Amino acid sequence: MYILSCSPYSADTEELNNTLKTVFTVYKNFKSYPEALRVAQKLNSMELISELMTDCKDKVVLQQMAYMLGRQRNPYVSDDASLTSIISNEKLSEHFKALARDLDTLTPKHPDAIYKSHLENNRSYHLADIDSAKKNLAMTYVNAFVNAGYGKDLLITNSQNNEDWVFKCKEDGQTAAAASLGMLLLWDIEEGLEQIDKYMERREHHIVAGAYMGLGLINSGITNENDPVQAILLDKLQSSPNS
């Protein structure tokens, strides 16, 4: 730990790499595989990563290491299908929602609850005085970040006013509103594709642009052998060069 803490003060890249390799060897010799993996990732060495994943025989530790690789979006491919599934983050949405459920934070929040609008009665200004387009754009961003990954909210995915909210915005605001679905449905490719599909064939270019941005957000950090998002985006680029 001391040597690793001193490594940032190395004189040059060669000295840094030699220091990290020394730390890696020490951790590996003591079978501290997760710690060694962190060092191997600092070195950006797929050879050392593969060496660790092969040498480690403890299933639980291997799973921990797989989650570490997945967190760093590492392209390592394991011969074990269960480890590959973890590294590819295929279950990331499922795990995120399960944690949110355990923490009782899955209930969607409305932007007004974040703004504390009910406390504004005695203030000298009101939201009504703000340009409506800017207000809607601000609500779109707040809503997307506050409810990111939960798969539902009270502004856009709400079945009663789903499409209406997009049309309450103008131009760039429409792009942001459609794209925000990608944040709300982060990592949930199956549900995300279904929700965004209705926006991808609109005549309004701002909405279509936002929809395809949303697709990219949904697929962020996910590795899928079928890769439906990439297929859709490539097909769009190849078939509509002027769009």
C-alpha atoms as a PDB file:
ATOM      1  CA  MET A   1       0.000   0.000   0.000  1.00  0.00           C
ATOM      2  CA  TYR A   2       2.879   2.349   0.781  1.00  0.00           C
ATOM      3  CA  ILE A   3       4.594   1.694  -2.554  1.00  0.00           C
ATOM      4  CA  LEU A   4       1.294   2.127  -4.396  1.00  0.00           C
ATOM      5  CA  SER A   5       0.667   5.425  -2.592  1.00  0.00           C
ATOM      6  CA  CYS A   6       4.106   6.643  -3.643  1.00  0.00           C
ATOM      7  CA  SER A   7       3.671   5.627  -7.299  1.00  0.00           C
ATOM      8  CA  PRO A   8       2.085   8.949  -8.436  1.00  0.00           C
ATOM      9  CA  TYR A   9       5.360  10.657  -7.531  1.00  0.00           C
ATOM     10  CA  SER A  10       7.402   8.545  -9.970  1.00  0.00           C
ATOM     11  CA  ALA A  11       9.926  10.481 -12.038  1.00  0.00           C
ATOM     12  CA  ASP A  12       8.658   9.211 -15.382  1.00  0.00           C
ATOM     13  CA  THR A  13       6.288   6.712 -17.021  1.00  0.00           C
ATOM     14  CA  GLU A  14       8.857   3.912 -17.008  1.00  0.00           C
ATOM     15  CA  GLU A  15       9.455   4.261 -13.288  1.00  0.00           C
ATOM     16  CA  LEU A  16       5.700   4.410 -12.678  1.00  0.00           C
ATOM     17  CA  ASN A  17       5.088   1.204 -14.646  1.00  0.00           C
ATOM     18  CA  ASN A  18       7.925  -0.606 -12.857  1.00  0.00           C
ATOM     19  CA  THR A  19       6.543   0.486  -9.489  1.00  0.00           C
ATOM     20  CA  LEU A  20       3.026  -0.687 -10.339  1.00  0.00           C
ATOM     21  CA  LYS A  21       4.333  -4.007 -11.677  1.00  0.00           C
ATOM     22  CA  THR A  22       6.157  -4.539  -8.381  1.00  0.00           C
ATOM     23  CA  VAL A  23       2.958  -3.849  -6.428  1.00  0.00           C
ATOM     24  CA  PHE A  24       1.059  -6.181  -8.764  1.00  0.00           C
ATOM     25  CA  THR A  25       3.540  -8.997  -8.149  1.00  0.00           C
ATOM     26  CA  VAL A  26       3.331  -8.577  -4.372  1.00  0.00           C
ATOM     27  CA  TYR A  27      -0.473  -8.642  -4.360  1.00  0.00           C
ATOM     28  CA  LYS A  28      -0.567 -11.635  -6.710  1.00  0.00           C
ATOM     29  CA  ASN A  29       1.938 -13.611  -4.611  1.00  0.00           C
ATOM     30  CA  PHE A  30      -0.282 -13.104  -1.572  1.00  0.00           C
ATOM     31  CA  LYS A  31      -3.369 -14.031  -3.639  1.00  0.00           C
ATOM     32  CA  SER A  32      -4.902 -10.607  -3.076  1.00  0.00           C
ATOM     33  CA  TYR A  33      -6.541 -10.809  -6.483  1.00  0.00           C
ATOM     34  CA  PRO A  34      -8.964  -7.844  -6.312  1.00  0.00           C
ATOM     35  CA  GLU A  35      -6.157  -5.528  -5.192  1.00  0.00           C
ATOM     36  CA  ALA A  36      -3.887  -6.900  -7.913  1.00  0.00           C
ATOM     37  CA  LEU A  37      -6.669  -6.352 -10.459  1.00  0.00           C
ATOM     38  CA  ARG A  38      -6.899  -2.659  -9.576  1.00  0.00           C
ATOM     39  CA  VAL A  39      -3.185  -2.332 -10.264  1.00  0.00           C
ATOM     40  CA  ALA A  40      -3.467  -4.304 -13.525  1.00  0.00           C
ATOM     41  CA  GLN A  41      -6.175  -1.899 -14.663  1.00  0.00           C
ATOM     42  CA  LYS A  42      -3.979   1.065 -13.758  1.00  0.00           C
ATOM     43  CA  LEU A  43      -1.376  -0.482 -16.041  1.00  0.00           C
ATOM     44  CA  ASN A  44      -4.088  -1.049 -18.652  1.00  0.00           C
ATOM     45  CA  SER A  45      -2.671  -4.530 -19.217  1.00  0.00           C
ATOM     46  CA  MET A  46      -5.096  -7.115 -20.595  1.00  0.00           C
ATOM     47  CA  GLU A  47      -2.321  -9.699 -20.217  1.00  0.00           C
ATOM     48  CA  LEU A  48      -2.087  -9.165 -16.453  1.00  0.00           C
ATOM     49  CA  ILE A  49      -5.880  -9.055 -16.111  1.00  0.00           C
ATOM     50  CA  SER A  50      -6.214 -12.336 -17.984  1.00  0.00           C
ATOM     51  CA  GLU A  51      -3.472 -13.835 -15.817  1.00  0.00           C
ATOM     52  CA  LEU A  52      -5.349 -12.965 -12.638  1.00  0.00           C
ATOM     53  CA  MET A  53      -8.731 -14.177 -13.896  1.00  0.00           C
ATOM     54  CA  THR A  54      -7.108 -17.495 -14.854  1.00  0.00           C
ATOM     55  CA  ASP A  55      -5.122 -17.994 -11.634  1.00  0.00           C
ATOM     56  CA  CYS A  56      -7.983 -17.176  -9.239  1.00  0.00           C
ATOM     57  CA  LYS A  57     -10.083 -20.241  -8.411  1.00  0.00           C
ATOM     58  CA  ASP A  58     -12.427 -18.731  -5.850  1.00  0.00           C
ATOM     59  CA  LYS A  59     -15.822 -18.270  -7.529  1.00  0.00           C
ATOM     60  CA  VAL A  60     -16.944 -15.479  -5.212  1.00  0.00           C
ATOM     61  CA  VAL A  61     -13.704 -13.529  -5.678  1.00  0.00           C
ATOM     62  CA  LEU A  62     -13.966 -14.025  -9.439  1.00  0.00           C
ATOM     63  CA  GLN A  63     -17.436 -12.524  -9.366  1.00  0.00           C
ATOM     64  CA  GLN A  64     -16.122  -9.553  -7.376  1.00  0.00           C
ATOM     65  CA  MET A  65     -13.383  -9.066  -9.958  1.00  0.00           C
ATOM     66  CA  ALA A  66     -15.917  -9.350 -12.776  1.00  0.00           C
ATOM     67  CA  TYR A  67     -17.949  -6.522 -11.224  1.00  0.00           C
ATOM     68  CA  MET A  68     -14.772  -4.450 -10.985  1.00  0.00           C
ATOM     69  CA  LEU A  69     -14.066  -5.034 -14.677  1.00  0.00           C
ATOM     70  CA  GLY A  70     -17.643  -4.178 -15.570  1.00  0.00           C
ATOM     71  CA  ARG A  71     -17.474  -0.954 -13.552  1.00  0.00           C
ATOM     72  CA  GLN A  72     -14.460   0.146 -15.598  1.00  0.00           C
ATOM     73  CA  ARG A  73     -16.074  -0.949 -18.909  1.00  0.00           C
ATOM     74  CA  ASN A  74     -13.167  -3.348 -19.461  1.00  0.00           C
ATOM     75  CA  PRO A  75     -13.402  -5.396 -22.694  1.00  0.00           C
ATOM     76  CA  TYR A  76     -12.096  -8.607 -21.069  1.00  0.00           C
ATOM     77  CA  VAL A  77     -14.055 -11.687 -22.187  1.00  0.00           C
ATOM     78  CA  SER A  78     -14.240 -14.681 -19.844  1.00  0.00           C
ATOM     79  CA  ASP A  79     -14.779 -18.307 -20.808  1.00  0.00           C
ATOM     80  CA  ASP A  80     -17.335 -18.439 -17.988  1.00  0.00           C
ATOM     81  CA  ALA A  81     -20.706 -17.216 -19.301  1.00  0.00           C
ATOM     82  CA  SER A  82     -21.838 -16.033 -15.849  1.00  0.00           C
ATOM     83  CA  LEU A  83     -18.726 -13.868 -15.452  1.00  0.00           C
ATOM     84  CA  THR A  84     -19.089 -12.507 -18.985  1.00  0.00           C
ATOM     85  CA  SER A  85     -22.668 -11.514 -18.138  1.00  0.00           C
ATOM     86  CA  ILE A  86     -21.416  -9.533 -15.128  1.00  0.00           C
ATOM     87  CA  ILE A  87     -18.568  -7.852 -17.036  1.00  0.00           C
ATOM     88  CA  SER A  88     -20.908  -6.878 -19.879  1.00  0.00           C
ATOM     89  CA  ASN A  89     -23.280  -5.165 -17.384  1.00  0.00           C
ATOM     90  CA  GLU A  90     -26.293  -6.959 -18.888  1.00  0.00           C
ATOM     91  CA  LYS A  91     -27.978  -7.085 -15.461  1.00  0.00           C
ATOM     92  CA  LEU A  92     -26.943  -3.579 -14.411  1.00  0.00           C
ATOM     93  CA  SER A  93     -30.459  -2.129 -14.701  1.00  0.00           C
ATOM     94  CA  GLU A  94     -31.912  -5.047 -12.749  1.00  0.00           C
ATOM     95  CA  HIS A  95     -29.353  -4.682  -9.939  1.00  0.00           C
ATOM     96  CA  PHE A  96     -29.760  -0.887  -9.823  1.00  0.00           C
ATOM     97  CA  LYS A  97     -33.531  -1.115  -9.460  1.00  0.00           C
ATOM     98  CA  ALA A  98     -33.207  -3.854  -6.830  1.00  0.00           C
ATOM     99  CA  LEU A  99     -30.916  -1.599  -4.776  1.00  0.00           C
ATOM    100  CA  ALA A 100     -33.287   1.353  -5.210  1.00  0.00           C
ATOM    101  CA  ARG A 101     -36.138  -0.871  -4.046  1.00  0.00           C
ATOM    102  CA  ASP A 102     -34.187  -1.937  -0.949  1.00  0.00           C
ATOM    103  CA  LEU A 103     -33.375   1.690  -0.162  1.00  0.00           C
ATOM    104  CA  ASP A 104     -37.005   2.684  -0.795  1.00  0.00           C
ATOM    105  CA  THR A 105     -36.006   5.314  -3.366  1.00  0.00           C
ATOM    106  CA  LEU A 106     -37.798   3.820  -6.360  1.00  0.00           C
ATOM    107  CA  THR A 107     -40.788   6.185  -6.127  1.00  0.00           C
ATOM    108  CA  PRO A 108     -40.407   8.770  -8.930  1.00  0.00           C
ATOM    109  CA  LYS A 109     -39.944  12.402  -7.931  1.00  0.00           C
ATOM    110  CA  HIS A 110     -41.482  15.382  -9.700  1.00  0.00           C
ATOM    111  CA  PRO A 111     -39.214  18.371 -10.448  1.00  0.00           C
ATOM    112  CA  ASP A 112     -41.487  20.585  -8.338  1.00  0.00           C
ATOM    113  CA  ALA A 113     -40.527  18.480  -5.309  1.00  0.00           C
ATOM    114  CA  ILE A 114     -36.867  19.236  -6.046  1.00  0.00           C
ATOM    115  CA  TYR A 115     -37.537  22.943  -6.556  1.00  0.00           C
ATOM    116  CA  LYS A 116     -39.517  23.045  -3.279  1.00  0.00           C
ATOM    117  CA  SER A 117     -42.158  25.052  -5.152  1.00  0.00           C
ATOM    118  CA  HIS A 118     -44.495  24.994  -2.155  1.00  0.00           C
ATOM    119  CA  LEU A 119     -42.055  27.265  -0.314  1.00  0.00           C
ATOM    120  CA  GLU A 120     -42.079  29.977  -2.964  1.00  0.00           C
ATOM    121  CA  ASN A 121     -45.327  31.716  -2.003  1.00  0.00           C
ATOM    122  CA  ASN A 122     -43.568  34.420  -0.001  1.00  0.00           C
ATOM    123  CA  ARG A 123     -40.780  35.048  -2.476  1.00  0.00           C
ATOM    124  CA  SER A 124     -40.572  38.088  -4.694  1.00  0.00           C
ATOM    125  CA  TYR A 125     -40.464  36.045  -7.905  1.00  0.00           C
ATOM    126  CA  HIS A 126     -42.373  33.127  -9.329  1.00  0.00           C
ATOM    127  CA  LEU A 127     -41.671  30.403 -11.860  1.00  0.00           C
ATOM    128  CA  ALA A 128     -44.537  31.786 -13.927  1.00  0.00           C
ATOM    129  CA  ASP A 129     -42.372  34.820 -14.656  1.00  0.00           C
ATOM    130  CA  ILE A 130     -39.677  32.675 -16.225  1.00  0.00           C
ATOM    131  CA  ASP A 131     -39.755  32.002 -19.970  1.00  0.00           C
ATOM    132  CA  SER A 132     -41.873  28.858 -20.393  1.00  0.00           C
ATOM    133  CA  ALA A 133     -39.427  27.221 -22.839  1.00  0.00           C
ATOM    134  CA  LYS A 134     -36.531  27.650 -20.412  1.00  0.00           C
ATOM    135  CA  LYS A 135     -38.676  26.455 -17.544  1.00  0.00           C
ATOM    136  CA  ASN A 136     -39.690  23.286 -19.417  1.00  0.00           C
ATOM    137  CA  LEU A 137     -36.083  22.633 -20.458  1.00  0.00           C
ATOM    138  CA  ALA A 138     -34.922  22.978 -16.845  1.00  0.00           C
ATOM    139  CA  MET A 139     -37.659  20.606 -15.674  1.00  0.00           C
ATOM    140  CA  THR A 140     -36.621  18.086 -18.335  1.00  0.00           C
ATOM    141  CA  TYR A 141     -33.021  18.011 -17.108  1.00  0.00           C
ATOM    142  CA  VAL A 142     -33.916  17.917 -13.413  1.00  0.00           C
ATOM    143  CA  ASN A 143     -36.454  15.166 -14.025  1.00  0.00           C
ATOM    144  CA  ALA A 144     -33.952  13.077 -16.021  1.00  0.00           C
ATOM    145  CA  PHE A 145     -31.159  13.245 -13.448  1.00  0.00           C
ATOM    146  CA  VAL A 146     -33.343  12.799 -10.364  1.00  0.00           C
ATOM    147  CA  ASN A 147     -35.101   9.720 -11.794  1.00  0.00           C
ATOM    148  CA  ALA A 148     -32.156   8.361 -13.815  1.00  0.00           C
ATOM    149  CA  GLY A 149     -32.188   4.593 -14.158  1.00  0.00           C
ATOM    150  CA  TYR A 150     -35.488   4.066 -12.330  1.00  0.00           C
ATOM    151  CA  GLY A 151     -37.423   3.464 -15.561  1.00  0.00           C
ATOM    152  CA  LYS A 152     -40.345   5.671 -14.601  1.00  0.00           C
ATOM    153  CA  ASP A 153     -41.096   9.263 -13.719  1.00  0.00           C
ATOM    154  CA  LEU A 154     -44.041  11.663 -13.401  1.00  0.00           C
ATOM    155  CA  LEU A 155     -43.227  13.836 -16.395  1.00  0.00           C
ATOM    156  CA  ILE A 156     -42.360  11.783 -19.490  1.00  0.00           C
ATOM    157  CA  THR A 157     -42.919   8.045 -19.010  1.00  0.00           C
ATOM    158  CA  ASN A 158     -46.258   8.740 -17.317  1.00  0.00           C
ATOM    159  CA  SER A 159     -48.756   7.169 -19.746  1.00  0.00           C
ATOM    160  CA  GLN A 160     -51.203  10.051 -19.376  1.00  0.00           C
ATOM    161  CA  ASN A 161     -48.851  12.776 -20.608  1.00  0.00           C
ATOM    162  CA  ASN A 162     -45.980  10.865 -22.192  1.00  0.00           C
ATOM    163  CA  GLU A 163     -45.967  12.419 -25.647  1.00  0.00           C
ATOM    164  CA  ASP A 164     -47.580  15.686 -24.519  1.00  0.00           C
ATOM    165  CA  TRP A 165     -44.505  16.782 -22.525  1.00  0.00           C
ATOM    166  CA  VAL A 166     -42.221  16.580 -25.570  1.00  0.00           C
ATOM    167  CA  PHE A 167     -44.519  18.949 -27.433  1.00  0.00           C
ATOM    168  CA  LYS A 168     -44.615  21.404 -24.546  1.00  0.00           C
ATOM    169  CA  CYS A 169     -40.974  22.078 -25.378  1.00  0.00           C
ATOM    170  CA  LYS A 170     -39.523  23.867 -28.397  1.00  0.00           C
ATOM    171  CA  GLU A 171     -36.749  22.817 -30.789  1.00  0.00           C
ATOM    172  CA  ASP A 172     -33.694  22.061 -28.600  1.00  0.00           C
ATOM    173  CA  GLY A 173     -36.083  21.483 -25.722  1.00  0.00           C
ATOM    174  CA  GLN A 174     -37.782  18.740 -27.722  1.00  0.00           C
ATOM    175  CA  THR A 175     -34.393  17.150 -28.370  1.00  0.00           C
ATOM    176  CA  ALA A 176     -33.612  17.187 -24.651  1.00  0.00           C
ATOM    177  CA  ALA A 177     -37.059  15.836 -23.718  1.00  0.00           C
ATOM    178  CA  ALA A 178     -36.833  12.887 -26.115  1.00  0.00           C
ATOM    179  CA  ALA A 179     -33.211  12.187 -25.164  1.00  0.00           C
ATOM    180  CA  SER A 180     -34.054  12.282 -21.446  1.00  0.00           C
ATOM    181  CA  LEU A 181     -35.861   8.976 -21.899  1.00  0.00           C
ATOM    182  CA  GLY A 182     -32.398   7.502 -22.292  1.00  0.00           C
ATOM    183  CA  MET A 183     -31.509   8.706 -18.796  1.00  0.00           C
ATOM    184  CA  LEU A 184     -34.766   7.545 -17.257  1.00  0.00           C
ATOM    185  CA  LEU A 185     -34.391   4.090 -18.821  1.00  0.00           C
ATOM    186  CA  LEU A 186     -30.619   3.916 -18.380  1.00  0.00           C
ATOM    187  CA  TRP A 187     -29.172   0.426 -19.015  1.00  0.00           C
ATOM    188  CA  ASP A 188     -32.633  -1.086 -19.643  1.00  0.00           C
ATOM    189  CA  ILE A 189     -32.267  -1.830 -23.364  1.00  0.00           C
ATOM    190  CA  GLU A 190     -35.411  -3.911 -23.834  1.00  0.00           C
ATOM    191  CA  GLU A 191     -37.810  -1.468 -22.177  1.00  0.00           C
ATOM    192  CA  GLY A 192     -35.885   1.514 -23.502  1.00  0.00           C
ATOM    193  CA  LEU A 193     -36.175   0.510 -27.151  1.00  0.00           C
ATOM    194  CA  GLU A 194     -39.926   0.035 -26.759  1.00  0.00           C
ATOM    195  CA  GLN A 195     -40.417   3.443 -25.104  1.00  0.00           C
ATOM    196  CA  ILE A 196     -38.248   5.420 -27.546  1.00  0.00           C
ATOM    197  CA  ASP A 197     -39.407   3.703 -30.731  1.00  0.00           C
ATOM    198  CA  LYS A 198     -42.431   5.981 -31.160  1.00  0.00           C
ATOM    199  CA  TYR A 199     -40.177   9.047 -31.329  1.00  0.00           C
ATOM    200  CA  MET A 200     -37.717   7.725 -33.886  1.00  0.00           C
ATOM    201  CA  GLU A 201     -40.046   8.063 -36.862  1.00  0.00           C
ATOM    202  CA  ARG A 202     -41.452  11.502 -36.126  1.00  0.00           C
ATOM    203  CA  ARG A 203     -41.299  14.254 -38.760  1.00  0.00           C
ATOM    204  CA  GLU A 204     -39.785  16.731 -36.304  1.00  0.00           C
ATOM    205  CA  HIS A 205     -36.003  16.510 -36.646  1.00  0.00           C
ATOM    206  CA  HIS A 206     -35.400  17.764 -33.107  1.00  0.00           C
ATOM    207  CA  ILE A 207     -37.463  14.925 -31.651  1.00  0.00           C
ATOM    208  CA  VAL A 208     -35.834  12.285 -33.871  1.00  0.00           C
ATOM    209  CA  ALA A 209     -32.364  13.550 -32.924  1.00  0.00           C
ATOM    210  CA  GLY A 210     -33.261  13.342 -29.240  1.00  0.00           C
ATOM    211  CA  ALA A 211     -34.640   9.839 -29.655  1.00  0.00           C
ATOM    212  CA  TYR A 212     -31.401   8.563 -31.147  1.00  0.00           C
ATOM    213  CA  MET A 213     -29.393  10.309 -28.448  1.00  0.00           C
ATOM    214  CA  GLY A 214     -31.599   8.517 -25.939  1.00  0.00           C
ATOM    215  CA  LEU A 215     -30.751   5.184 -27.561  1.00  0.00           C
ATOM    216  CA  GLY A 216     -27.069   5.871 -27.032  1.00  0.00           C
ATOM    217  CA  LEU A 217     -27.648   6.750 -23.388  1.00  0.00           C
ATOM    218  CA  ILE A 218     -29.625   3.574 -22.743  1.00  0.00           C
ATOM    219  CA  ASN A 219     -26.812   1.433 -24.111  1.00  0.00           C
ATOM    220  CA  SER A 220     -24.097   3.277 -22.155  1.00  0.00           C
ATOM    221  CA  GLY A 221     -21.635   0.797 -20.689  1.00  0.00           C
ATOM    222  CA  ILE A 222     -23.625  -2.256 -21.806  1.00  0.00           C
ATOM    223  CA  THR A 223     -22.090  -4.980 -23.959  1.00  0.00           C
ATOM    224  CA  ASN A 224     -24.652  -7.109 -25.768  1.00  0.00           C
ATOM    225  CA  GLU A 225     -23.720  -9.740 -28.345  1.00  0.00           C
ATOM    226  CA  ASN A 226     -26.724  -8.765 -30.486  1.00  0.00           C
ATOM    227  CA  ASP A 227     -26.124  -5.041 -29.895  1.00  0.00           C
ATOM    228  CA  PRO A 228     -29.571  -3.886 -31.138  1.00  0.00           C
ATOM    229  CA  VAL A 229     -28.807  -0.219 -30.441  1.00  0.00           C
ATOM    230  CA  GLN A 230     -25.747  -0.210 -32.682  1.00  0.00           C
ATOM    231  CA  ALA A 231     -27.700  -2.009 -35.405  1.00  0.00           C
ATOM    232  CA  ILE A 232     -30.464   0.617 -35.286  1.00  0.00           C
ATOM    233  CA  LEU A 233     -28.038   3.555 -35.316  1.00  0.00           C
ATOM    234  CA  LEU A 234     -25.918   2.154 -38.157  1.00  0.00           C
ATOM    235  CA  ASP A 235     -29.008   1.384 -40.208  1.00  0.00           C
ATOM    236  CA  LYS A 236     -30.219   4.965 -39.716  1.00  0.00           C
ATOM    237  CA  LEU A 237     -26.862   6.445 -40.711  1.00  0.00           C
ATOM    238  CA  GLN A 238     -26.546   4.258 -43.791  1.00  0.00           C
ATOM    239  CA  SER A 239     -30.134   4.676 -44.999  1.00  0.00           C
ATOM    240  CA  SER A 240     -30.557   8.393 -44.242  1.00  0.00           C
ATOM    241  CA  PRO A 241     -27.278  10.181 -44.923  1.00  0.00           C
ATOM    242  CA  ASN A 242     -28.984  13.596 -44.972  1.00  0.00           C
ATOM    243  CA  SER A 243     -30.954  13.226 -41.731  1.00  0.00           C
END
